[in-house]
N, C-alpha and C. Protein backbone atom coordinates (compact mmCIF):
# COMPACT_ATOMS: atom_id res chain seq x y z
N MET A 1 272.15 -11.94 7.85
CA MET A 1 271.97 -11.85 6.40
C MET A 1 271.47 -10.44 6.07
N SER A 2 272.06 -9.85 5.09
CA SER A 2 271.68 -8.49 4.73
C SER A 2 270.44 -8.51 3.85
N HIS A 3 269.80 -7.38 3.80
CA HIS A 3 268.60 -7.26 2.96
C HIS A 3 268.96 -7.28 1.48
N ALA A 4 270.21 -7.01 1.18
CA ALA A 4 270.62 -6.99 -0.22
C ALA A 4 270.40 -8.35 -0.87
N GLY A 5 270.51 -9.43 -0.13
CA GLY A 5 270.32 -10.76 -0.69
C GLY A 5 268.88 -11.04 -1.09
N HIS A 6 267.91 -10.30 -0.59
CA HIS A 6 266.51 -10.54 -0.88
C HIS A 6 266.03 -9.82 -2.14
N HIS A 7 266.74 -8.84 -2.59
CA HIS A 7 266.29 -8.04 -3.74
C HIS A 7 266.09 -8.86 -5.01
N PRO A 8 266.99 -9.77 -5.37
CA PRO A 8 266.74 -10.55 -6.59
C PRO A 8 265.46 -11.38 -6.49
N ILE A 9 265.17 -11.90 -5.31
CA ILE A 9 263.96 -12.71 -5.15
C ILE A 9 262.73 -11.82 -5.25
N ARG A 10 262.77 -10.67 -4.61
CA ARG A 10 261.63 -9.74 -4.68
C ARG A 10 261.40 -9.27 -6.11
N LEU A 11 262.49 -8.96 -6.80
CA LEU A 11 262.37 -8.51 -8.19
C LEU A 11 261.77 -9.61 -9.05
N ALA A 12 262.22 -10.84 -8.87
CA ALA A 12 261.69 -11.96 -9.66
C ALA A 12 260.21 -12.16 -9.36
N ALA A 13 259.83 -12.07 -8.08
CA ALA A 13 258.42 -12.24 -7.72
C ALA A 13 257.58 -11.12 -8.32
N LEU A 14 258.08 -9.90 -8.31
CA LEU A 14 257.37 -8.77 -8.88
C LEU A 14 257.20 -8.94 -10.39
N LEU A 15 258.23 -9.42 -11.07
CA LEU A 15 258.15 -9.63 -12.51
C LEU A 15 257.13 -10.71 -12.85
N VAL A 16 257.09 -11.79 -12.06
CA VAL A 16 256.11 -12.85 -12.29
C VAL A 16 254.70 -12.31 -12.08
N LEU A 17 254.51 -11.55 -11.02
CA LEU A 17 253.20 -10.96 -10.74
C LEU A 17 252.77 -10.04 -11.89
N ALA A 18 253.68 -9.21 -12.35
CA ALA A 18 253.36 -8.30 -13.45
C ALA A 18 253.05 -9.07 -14.73
N ALA A 19 253.78 -10.15 -14.98
CA ALA A 19 253.56 -10.95 -16.19
C ALA A 19 252.19 -11.61 -16.18
N VAL A 20 251.66 -11.90 -15.02
CA VAL A 20 250.34 -12.53 -14.91
C VAL A 20 249.24 -11.47 -14.83
N ALA A 21 249.44 -10.43 -14.03
CA ALA A 21 248.38 -9.45 -13.77
C ALA A 21 248.10 -8.54 -14.96
N LEU A 22 249.13 -8.08 -15.65
CA LEU A 22 248.91 -7.13 -16.75
C LEU A 22 248.08 -7.72 -17.87
N PRO A 23 248.36 -8.95 -18.34
CA PRO A 23 247.49 -9.50 -19.39
C PRO A 23 246.05 -9.70 -18.91
N LEU A 24 245.87 -10.08 -17.64
CA LEU A 24 244.51 -10.24 -17.11
C LEU A 24 243.77 -8.91 -17.08
N ALA A 25 244.46 -7.86 -16.66
CA ALA A 25 243.84 -6.53 -16.61
C ALA A 25 243.47 -6.06 -18.00
N ALA A 26 244.31 -6.37 -18.97
CA ALA A 26 244.04 -5.94 -20.35
C ALA A 26 242.82 -6.66 -20.92
N GLN A 27 242.49 -7.86 -20.40
CA GLN A 27 241.35 -8.62 -20.91
C GLN A 27 240.03 -8.16 -20.31
N GLN A 28 240.06 -7.36 -19.26
CA GLN A 28 238.83 -6.88 -18.64
C GLN A 28 238.13 -5.93 -19.60
N PRO A 29 236.83 -6.09 -19.78
CA PRO A 29 236.13 -5.19 -20.70
C PRO A 29 236.13 -3.76 -20.17
N ALA A 30 236.21 -2.83 -21.10
CA ALA A 30 236.15 -1.42 -20.72
C ALA A 30 234.75 -1.11 -20.22
N GLU A 31 234.64 -0.11 -19.34
CA GLU A 31 233.34 0.28 -18.81
C GLU A 31 232.40 0.65 -19.97
N TYR A 32 232.95 1.36 -20.93
CA TYR A 32 232.19 1.70 -22.12
C TYR A 32 233.17 1.83 -23.27
N PRO A 33 233.06 1.01 -24.29
CA PRO A 33 234.01 1.08 -25.41
C PRO A 33 234.05 2.48 -26.01
N GLY A 34 235.25 2.95 -26.26
CA GLY A 34 235.45 4.28 -26.83
C GLY A 34 235.74 5.33 -25.79
N LEU A 35 235.54 5.01 -24.52
CA LEU A 35 235.81 5.97 -23.46
C LEU A 35 236.95 5.48 -22.56
N GLU A 36 237.79 4.62 -23.07
CA GLU A 36 238.85 4.04 -22.26
C GLU A 36 239.83 5.08 -21.73
N THR A 37 239.97 6.19 -22.43
CA THR A 37 240.94 7.20 -22.01
C THR A 37 240.30 8.37 -21.29
N GLY A 38 239.04 8.25 -20.96
CA GLY A 38 238.38 9.33 -20.23
C GLY A 38 236.97 9.55 -20.71
N LYS A 39 236.27 10.37 -20.01
CA LYS A 39 234.86 10.58 -20.32
C LYS A 39 234.58 11.96 -20.90
N MET A 40 235.58 12.59 -21.48
CA MET A 40 235.34 13.85 -22.17
C MET A 40 234.74 13.53 -23.54
N TRP A 41 233.86 14.38 -24.02
CA TRP A 41 233.19 14.11 -25.27
C TRP A 41 232.93 15.42 -26.00
N THR A 42 232.68 15.30 -27.29
CA THR A 42 232.36 16.47 -28.10
C THR A 42 230.85 16.48 -28.34
N PHE A 43 230.31 17.65 -28.64
CA PHE A 43 228.87 17.79 -28.80
C PHE A 43 228.34 17.04 -30.02
N ASP A 44 229.19 16.76 -30.99
CA ASP A 44 228.71 16.02 -32.15
C ASP A 44 228.77 14.52 -31.94
N GLN A 45 229.39 14.06 -30.85
CA GLN A 45 229.45 12.63 -30.56
C GLN A 45 229.31 12.38 -29.05
N PRO A 46 228.18 12.74 -28.48
CA PRO A 46 228.00 12.50 -27.04
C PRO A 46 227.89 10.99 -26.79
N PRO A 47 228.35 10.54 -25.64
CA PRO A 47 228.32 9.09 -25.34
C PRO A 47 226.93 8.66 -24.85
N LEU A 48 225.96 8.68 -25.74
CA LEU A 48 224.57 8.42 -25.38
C LEU A 48 224.37 7.03 -24.78
N GLU A 49 225.01 6.02 -25.36
CA GLU A 49 224.85 4.66 -24.83
C GLU A 49 225.48 4.54 -23.45
N TYR A 50 226.60 5.19 -23.25
CA TYR A 50 227.24 5.17 -21.93
C TYR A 50 226.32 5.81 -20.89
N TRP A 51 225.78 6.98 -21.21
CA TRP A 51 224.87 7.64 -20.27
C TRP A 51 223.67 6.76 -19.96
N ALA A 52 223.13 6.11 -20.99
CA ALA A 52 221.97 5.25 -20.77
C ALA A 52 222.32 4.07 -19.87
N ALA A 53 223.45 3.43 -20.14
CA ALA A 53 223.85 2.26 -19.36
C ALA A 53 224.26 2.65 -17.94
N ARG A 54 225.01 3.70 -17.81
CA ARG A 54 225.55 4.08 -16.50
C ARG A 54 224.55 4.82 -15.63
N TYR A 55 223.78 5.74 -16.23
CA TYR A 55 222.93 6.62 -15.44
C TYR A 55 221.43 6.49 -15.74
N GLY A 56 221.07 5.69 -16.75
CA GLY A 56 219.67 5.60 -17.13
C GLY A 56 219.17 6.91 -17.74
N PHE A 57 220.05 7.67 -18.36
CA PHE A 57 219.76 9.01 -18.89
C PHE A 57 219.83 8.99 -20.40
N ARG A 58 218.73 9.34 -21.04
CA ARG A 58 218.68 9.41 -22.50
C ARG A 58 218.21 10.80 -22.91
N PRO A 59 219.14 11.73 -23.07
CA PRO A 59 218.72 13.10 -23.40
C PRO A 59 218.20 13.20 -24.84
N ALA A 60 217.25 14.08 -25.00
CA ALA A 60 216.73 14.38 -26.34
C ALA A 60 217.75 15.23 -27.08
N PRO A 61 217.74 15.20 -28.40
CA PRO A 61 218.66 16.05 -29.17
C PRO A 61 218.54 17.53 -28.79
N GLU A 62 217.34 17.97 -28.43
CA GLU A 62 217.15 19.37 -28.04
C GLU A 62 217.92 19.70 -26.75
N TRP A 63 218.02 18.73 -25.86
CA TRP A 63 218.77 18.93 -24.62
C TRP A 63 220.26 19.11 -24.93
N ILE A 64 220.79 18.25 -25.80
CA ILE A 64 222.20 18.36 -26.21
C ILE A 64 222.45 19.73 -26.84
N GLU A 65 221.54 20.16 -27.70
CA GLU A 65 221.68 21.47 -28.36
C GLU A 65 221.64 22.60 -27.33
N HIS A 66 220.77 22.51 -26.36
CA HIS A 66 220.68 23.54 -25.32
C HIS A 66 221.99 23.60 -24.52
N VAL A 67 222.52 22.46 -24.17
CA VAL A 67 223.79 22.42 -23.42
C VAL A 67 224.92 23.00 -24.26
N ARG A 68 224.96 22.64 -25.54
CA ARG A 68 226.01 23.17 -26.43
C ARG A 68 225.94 24.69 -26.50
N MET A 69 224.75 25.22 -26.67
CA MET A 69 224.60 26.67 -26.79
C MET A 69 224.82 27.38 -25.45
N SER A 70 224.77 26.65 -24.35
CA SER A 70 225.01 27.24 -23.03
C SER A 70 226.49 27.24 -22.66
N ALA A 71 227.27 26.43 -23.34
CA ALA A 71 228.68 26.30 -23.01
C ALA A 71 229.49 27.44 -23.63
N ALA A 72 230.46 27.93 -22.89
CA ALA A 72 231.34 29.00 -23.37
C ALA A 72 232.77 28.66 -22.98
N ARG A 73 233.68 29.23 -23.72
CA ARG A 73 235.10 29.05 -23.41
C ARG A 73 235.74 30.42 -23.33
N GLN A 74 236.51 30.60 -22.29
CA GLN A 74 237.33 31.80 -22.17
C GLN A 74 238.77 31.31 -22.08
N PRO A 75 239.73 32.13 -22.34
CA PRO A 75 241.11 31.64 -22.32
C PRO A 75 241.47 30.93 -21.01
N GLY A 76 241.78 29.65 -21.12
CA GLY A 76 242.19 28.86 -19.97
C GLY A 76 241.08 28.34 -19.09
N CYS A 77 239.83 28.64 -19.40
CA CYS A 77 238.71 28.23 -18.54
C CYS A 77 237.47 27.94 -19.38
N THR A 78 236.49 27.37 -18.72
CA THR A 78 235.18 27.21 -19.33
C THR A 78 234.18 28.05 -18.55
N ALA A 79 233.05 28.26 -19.16
CA ALA A 79 231.99 29.04 -18.53
C ALA A 79 230.66 28.55 -19.09
N SER A 80 229.58 29.07 -18.53
CA SER A 80 228.24 28.75 -19.02
C SER A 80 227.43 30.03 -19.13
N PHE A 81 226.73 30.16 -20.25
CA PHE A 81 225.80 31.28 -20.38
C PHE A 81 224.61 30.99 -19.47
N VAL A 82 224.22 31.98 -18.69
CA VAL A 82 223.08 31.82 -17.79
C VAL A 82 221.96 32.79 -18.13
N SER A 83 222.14 33.57 -19.19
CA SER A 83 221.07 34.45 -19.64
C SER A 83 221.22 34.66 -21.15
N ALA A 84 220.12 35.01 -21.77
CA ALA A 84 220.14 35.31 -23.20
C ALA A 84 220.91 36.59 -23.48
N GLY A 85 221.12 37.42 -22.45
CA GLY A 85 221.83 38.68 -22.61
C GLY A 85 223.34 38.55 -22.50
N GLY A 86 223.84 37.33 -22.35
CA GLY A 86 225.29 37.14 -22.34
C GLY A 86 225.91 37.02 -20.96
N LEU A 87 225.11 36.98 -19.90
CA LEU A 87 225.65 36.80 -18.56
C LEU A 87 226.22 35.39 -18.46
N VAL A 88 227.45 35.29 -17.96
CA VAL A 88 228.08 33.98 -17.85
C VAL A 88 228.44 33.67 -16.40
N MET A 89 228.53 32.40 -16.13
CA MET A 89 228.97 31.91 -14.83
C MET A 89 230.24 31.10 -15.08
N THR A 90 231.24 31.32 -14.24
CA THR A 90 232.49 30.58 -14.37
C THR A 90 233.08 30.40 -12.98
N ASN A 91 234.20 29.76 -12.91
CA ASN A 91 234.88 29.57 -11.63
C ASN A 91 235.53 30.88 -11.18
N HIS A 92 235.65 31.03 -9.88
CA HIS A 92 236.18 32.25 -9.30
C HIS A 92 237.57 32.58 -9.84
N HIS A 93 238.44 31.57 -9.90
CA HIS A 93 239.82 31.85 -10.35
C HIS A 93 239.85 32.30 -11.81
N CYS A 94 238.85 31.93 -12.58
CA CYS A 94 238.80 32.34 -13.99
C CYS A 94 238.41 33.80 -14.15
N ALA A 95 237.73 34.34 -13.15
CA ALA A 95 237.25 35.73 -13.23
C ALA A 95 238.08 36.68 -12.37
N ARG A 96 239.13 36.20 -11.76
CA ARG A 96 239.89 37.03 -10.82
C ARG A 96 240.40 38.33 -11.46
N ALA A 97 240.95 38.26 -12.65
CA ALA A 97 241.45 39.47 -13.32
C ALA A 97 240.30 40.45 -13.58
N CYS A 98 239.15 39.93 -13.96
CA CYS A 98 237.99 40.78 -14.19
C CYS A 98 237.53 41.43 -12.89
N ILE A 99 237.50 40.65 -11.82
CA ILE A 99 237.07 41.17 -10.52
C ILE A 99 237.98 42.33 -10.11
N ASP A 100 239.27 42.15 -10.29
CA ASP A 100 240.21 43.23 -9.98
C ASP A 100 239.94 44.46 -10.85
N ALA A 101 239.68 44.21 -12.13
CA ALA A 101 239.51 45.32 -13.08
C ALA A 101 238.24 46.13 -12.82
N VAL A 102 237.18 45.51 -12.33
CA VAL A 102 235.92 46.24 -12.13
C VAL A 102 235.73 46.73 -10.70
N SER A 103 236.67 46.40 -9.82
CA SER A 103 236.58 46.88 -8.43
C SER A 103 236.83 48.38 -8.39
N ARG A 104 236.05 49.04 -7.57
CA ARG A 104 236.19 50.49 -7.42
C ARG A 104 236.95 50.79 -6.13
N GLU A 105 237.39 52.03 -6.02
CA GLU A 105 238.13 52.48 -4.83
C GLU A 105 237.40 52.08 -3.56
N GLY A 106 238.10 51.42 -2.64
CA GLY A 106 237.54 51.03 -1.36
C GLY A 106 236.77 49.72 -1.37
N GLU A 107 236.56 49.11 -2.53
CA GLU A 107 235.83 47.84 -2.61
C GLU A 107 236.81 46.67 -2.53
N ASP A 108 236.36 45.58 -1.98
CA ASP A 108 237.12 44.34 -1.97
C ASP A 108 236.20 43.25 -2.51
N LEU A 109 235.98 43.29 -3.83
CA LEU A 109 235.06 42.34 -4.44
C LEU A 109 235.56 40.91 -4.36
N LEU A 110 236.89 40.73 -4.33
CA LEU A 110 237.41 39.37 -4.20
C LEU A 110 236.95 38.73 -2.89
N SER A 111 236.90 39.49 -1.84
CA SER A 111 236.48 38.95 -0.54
C SER A 111 234.98 39.05 -0.33
N ASN A 112 234.37 40.15 -0.76
CA ASN A 112 232.97 40.42 -0.42
C ASN A 112 231.97 40.10 -1.51
N GLY A 113 232.44 39.87 -2.73
CA GLY A 113 231.52 39.57 -3.82
C GLY A 113 230.83 40.82 -4.35
N PHE A 114 229.92 40.60 -5.29
CA PHE A 114 229.21 41.70 -5.93
C PHE A 114 227.87 41.19 -6.42
N TYR A 115 226.84 41.98 -6.25
CA TYR A 115 225.52 41.64 -6.76
C TYR A 115 224.96 42.87 -7.46
N ALA A 116 224.58 42.70 -8.71
CA ALA A 116 223.95 43.79 -9.46
C ALA A 116 222.44 43.58 -9.40
N ALA A 117 221.75 44.45 -8.70
CA ALA A 117 220.29 44.34 -8.57
C ALA A 117 219.58 44.65 -9.88
N ARG A 118 220.19 45.49 -10.71
CA ARG A 118 219.61 45.85 -12.00
C ARG A 118 220.65 45.64 -13.09
N ARG A 119 220.19 45.43 -14.28
CA ARG A 119 221.11 45.20 -15.39
C ARG A 119 222.09 46.37 -15.56
N GLU A 120 221.61 47.59 -15.40
CA GLU A 120 222.51 48.74 -15.57
C GLU A 120 223.58 48.82 -14.49
N ASP A 121 223.43 48.05 -13.41
CA ASP A 121 224.44 48.01 -12.35
C ASP A 121 225.55 46.99 -12.63
N GLU A 122 225.34 46.14 -13.64
CA GLU A 122 226.36 45.15 -13.96
C GLU A 122 227.63 45.84 -14.43
N ARG A 123 228.75 45.20 -14.20
CA ARG A 123 230.05 45.75 -14.60
C ARG A 123 230.70 44.80 -15.61
N PRO A 124 230.71 45.21 -16.87
CA PRO A 124 231.32 44.35 -17.89
C PRO A 124 232.82 44.20 -17.65
N CYS A 125 233.31 43.03 -17.93
CA CYS A 125 234.75 42.76 -17.80
C CYS A 125 235.49 43.31 -19.01
N PRO A 126 236.43 44.22 -18.80
CA PRO A 126 237.18 44.76 -19.94
C PRO A 126 238.12 43.69 -20.52
N ASN A 127 238.18 43.66 -21.82
CA ASN A 127 239.10 42.78 -22.54
C ASN A 127 238.88 41.30 -22.30
N MET A 128 237.73 40.90 -21.83
CA MET A 128 237.44 39.47 -21.65
C MET A 128 236.66 38.99 -22.85
N THR A 129 237.06 37.86 -23.37
CA THR A 129 236.36 37.28 -24.51
C THR A 129 235.84 35.90 -24.13
N MET A 130 234.75 35.54 -24.74
CA MET A 130 234.16 34.22 -24.60
C MET A 130 233.92 33.68 -26.00
N ASP A 131 234.17 32.41 -26.17
CA ASP A 131 233.85 31.74 -27.42
C ASP A 131 232.65 30.84 -27.19
N GLN A 132 231.73 30.84 -28.16
CA GLN A 132 230.57 29.96 -28.10
C GLN A 132 230.58 29.08 -29.33
N LEU A 133 230.42 27.79 -29.11
CA LEU A 133 230.38 26.84 -30.21
C LEU A 133 229.01 26.91 -30.86
N ARG A 134 228.95 27.54 -32.02
CA ARG A 134 227.67 27.75 -32.70
C ARG A 134 227.31 26.62 -33.65
N GLY A 135 228.30 25.81 -34.03
CA GLY A 135 228.03 24.71 -34.94
C GLY A 135 229.27 23.85 -35.12
N ILE A 136 229.03 22.64 -35.58
CA ILE A 136 230.12 21.71 -35.85
C ILE A 136 229.91 21.18 -37.25
N ARG A 137 230.97 21.23 -38.03
CA ARG A 137 230.91 20.73 -39.40
C ARG A 137 232.21 20.02 -39.70
N ASP A 138 232.14 18.84 -40.27
CA ASP A 138 233.33 18.09 -40.65
C ASP A 138 233.89 18.69 -41.94
N VAL A 139 235.07 19.25 -41.86
CA VAL A 139 235.71 19.88 -43.02
C VAL A 139 236.86 19.05 -43.57
N THR A 140 236.96 17.81 -43.12
CA THR A 140 238.08 16.96 -43.51
C THR A 140 238.21 16.85 -45.02
N ASP A 141 237.10 16.56 -45.71
CA ASP A 141 237.17 16.37 -47.16
C ASP A 141 237.62 17.64 -47.88
N SER A 142 237.10 18.80 -47.48
CA SER A 142 237.49 20.04 -48.17
C SER A 142 238.94 20.41 -47.87
N VAL A 143 239.40 20.14 -46.65
CA VAL A 143 240.80 20.43 -46.30
C VAL A 143 241.72 19.51 -47.09
N ASN A 144 241.38 18.22 -47.15
CA ASN A 144 242.21 17.28 -47.91
C ASN A 144 242.18 17.57 -49.40
N ALA A 145 241.03 18.03 -49.91
CA ALA A 145 240.91 18.35 -51.34
C ALA A 145 241.79 19.53 -51.74
N ALA A 146 242.19 20.35 -50.79
CA ALA A 146 243.02 21.52 -51.08
C ALA A 146 244.46 21.14 -51.41
N VAL A 147 244.82 19.88 -51.20
CA VAL A 147 246.20 19.44 -51.40
C VAL A 147 246.27 18.47 -52.57
N PRO A 148 246.83 18.91 -53.71
CA PRO A 148 246.97 18.00 -54.85
C PRO A 148 247.94 16.87 -54.53
N SER A 149 247.73 15.75 -55.15
CA SER A 149 248.61 14.60 -54.99
C SER A 149 250.04 14.97 -55.37
N GLY A 150 250.99 14.49 -54.60
CA GLY A 150 252.39 14.75 -54.89
C GLY A 150 252.93 16.04 -54.31
N THR A 151 252.12 16.78 -53.59
CA THR A 151 252.55 18.04 -52.99
C THR A 151 253.56 17.78 -51.87
N SER A 152 254.58 18.60 -51.77
CA SER A 152 255.59 18.43 -50.72
C SER A 152 254.92 18.61 -49.35
N PRO A 153 255.47 17.98 -48.32
CA PRO A 153 254.85 18.09 -46.99
C PRO A 153 254.71 19.54 -46.49
N ASN A 154 255.71 20.37 -46.70
CA ASN A 154 255.61 21.76 -46.23
C ASN A 154 254.52 22.53 -46.98
N ARG A 155 254.47 22.35 -48.29
CA ARG A 155 253.45 23.03 -49.08
C ARG A 155 252.07 22.49 -48.74
N ALA A 156 251.96 21.18 -48.50
CA ALA A 156 250.68 20.57 -48.12
C ALA A 156 250.17 21.16 -46.82
N ALA A 157 251.06 21.35 -45.86
CA ALA A 157 250.65 21.94 -44.58
C ALA A 157 250.13 23.35 -44.79
N ASP A 158 250.80 24.13 -45.63
CA ASP A 158 250.34 25.49 -45.91
C ASP A 158 248.96 25.49 -46.59
N LEU A 159 248.77 24.59 -47.55
CA LEU A 159 247.50 24.52 -48.25
C LEU A 159 246.37 24.09 -47.32
N ARG A 160 246.65 23.12 -46.46
CA ARG A 160 245.62 22.69 -45.50
C ARG A 160 245.26 23.82 -44.56
N ALA A 161 246.27 24.52 -44.04
CA ALA A 161 246.02 25.63 -43.12
C ALA A 161 245.20 26.72 -43.80
N GLY A 162 245.47 26.99 -45.06
CA GLY A 162 244.75 28.03 -45.79
C GLY A 162 243.33 27.65 -46.14
N SER A 163 243.00 26.37 -46.07
CA SER A 163 241.65 25.94 -46.45
C SER A 163 240.71 25.81 -45.26
N ARG A 164 241.25 25.89 -44.03
CA ARG A 164 240.40 25.78 -42.84
C ARG A 164 239.59 27.05 -42.66
N PRO A 165 238.38 26.91 -42.13
CA PRO A 165 237.52 28.10 -41.95
C PRO A 165 238.16 29.20 -41.11
N SER A 166 238.99 28.86 -40.14
CA SER A 166 239.58 29.88 -39.28
C SER A 166 240.68 30.67 -39.95
N SER A 167 241.10 30.23 -41.11
CA SER A 167 242.26 30.84 -41.73
C SER A 167 241.94 32.09 -42.53
N GLY A 168 240.66 32.29 -42.84
CA GLY A 168 240.32 33.41 -43.71
C GLY A 168 240.52 33.04 -45.16
N GLY A 169 240.84 31.78 -45.42
CA GLY A 169 241.03 31.30 -46.78
C GLY A 169 239.70 31.07 -47.45
N ARG A 170 239.56 29.93 -48.11
CA ARG A 170 238.34 29.64 -48.85
C ARG A 170 237.19 29.24 -47.94
N GLY A 171 237.44 29.10 -46.66
CA GLY A 171 236.44 28.57 -45.73
C GLY A 171 235.36 29.56 -45.36
N GLN A 172 234.54 29.13 -44.43
CA GLN A 172 233.38 29.89 -44.00
C GLN A 172 233.74 31.24 -43.40
N ALA A 173 234.88 31.34 -42.74
CA ALA A 173 235.25 32.61 -42.10
C ALA A 173 235.32 33.74 -43.11
N ALA A 174 235.81 33.46 -44.30
CA ALA A 174 235.92 34.50 -45.31
C ALA A 174 234.55 35.00 -45.75
N ARG A 175 233.54 34.11 -45.69
CA ARG A 175 232.20 34.49 -46.14
C ARG A 175 231.34 35.09 -45.03
N THR A 176 231.50 34.61 -43.79
CA THR A 176 230.55 34.97 -42.74
C THR A 176 231.15 35.70 -41.56
N GLY A 177 232.45 35.70 -41.44
CA GLY A 177 233.08 36.29 -40.27
C GLY A 177 233.16 35.33 -39.10
N ALA A 178 232.61 34.13 -39.25
CA ALA A 178 232.69 33.12 -38.19
C ALA A 178 234.13 32.63 -38.06
N ARG A 179 234.48 32.22 -36.86
CA ARG A 179 235.82 31.68 -36.64
C ARG A 179 235.70 30.21 -36.30
N ALA A 180 236.69 29.48 -36.68
CA ALA A 180 236.75 28.07 -36.29
C ALA A 180 238.11 27.82 -35.68
N ARG A 181 238.16 26.90 -34.79
CA ARG A 181 239.43 26.55 -34.16
C ARG A 181 239.60 25.04 -34.26
N PRO A 182 240.78 24.61 -34.64
CA PRO A 182 241.03 23.17 -34.62
C PRO A 182 241.11 22.70 -33.18
N PRO A 183 240.85 21.42 -32.94
CA PRO A 183 240.98 20.93 -31.56
C PRO A 183 242.42 21.03 -31.09
N PRO A 184 242.62 21.10 -29.78
CA PRO A 184 243.99 21.15 -29.28
C PRO A 184 244.71 19.85 -29.58
N PRO A 185 246.04 19.87 -29.70
CA PRO A 185 246.77 18.65 -30.00
C PRO A 185 246.60 17.65 -28.86
N ALA A 186 246.62 16.37 -29.22
CA ALA A 186 246.50 15.31 -28.21
C ALA A 186 247.71 15.35 -27.30
N ALA A 187 247.47 15.09 -26.04
CA ALA A 187 248.56 15.11 -25.05
C ALA A 187 249.43 13.89 -25.17
């Protein structure tokens, strides 16, 4: 008897198993409601109850603020401020271009590393930028208010874009020079 004759039976058994197992799995409570798709969080909505239940950790608001002000973003990577003077720590691969740029003739900083004993010995990374989240404000109402009822979809998109703080429109950027960035699109 060939194995080909067993495939319909295996397929039927697999379908029955899936029909029973998937609904049961869906009925299992999530580890923490609201975090079903991962444990990433924003600074304005940290998963405090999850941390308390899972780790017995209840940070004070000052701790959250300190962590927020310590976090930095560079293109394609994250970093952390480790000094009030702007010194940052990041992953090696995130700093590779900088390491190459500040290496001097005969040095192999990628292999040997670098230590600045004094501040004046530090080597700033040319053309490297870091973003620091200085504040979070819900601008939904002001962005939506910029679009009159009945506006065409294309015009509405333009009006919304012009009302965001990062646009240089009526938002905070025009008044203070601060920049805002919308969150990245959902995957």
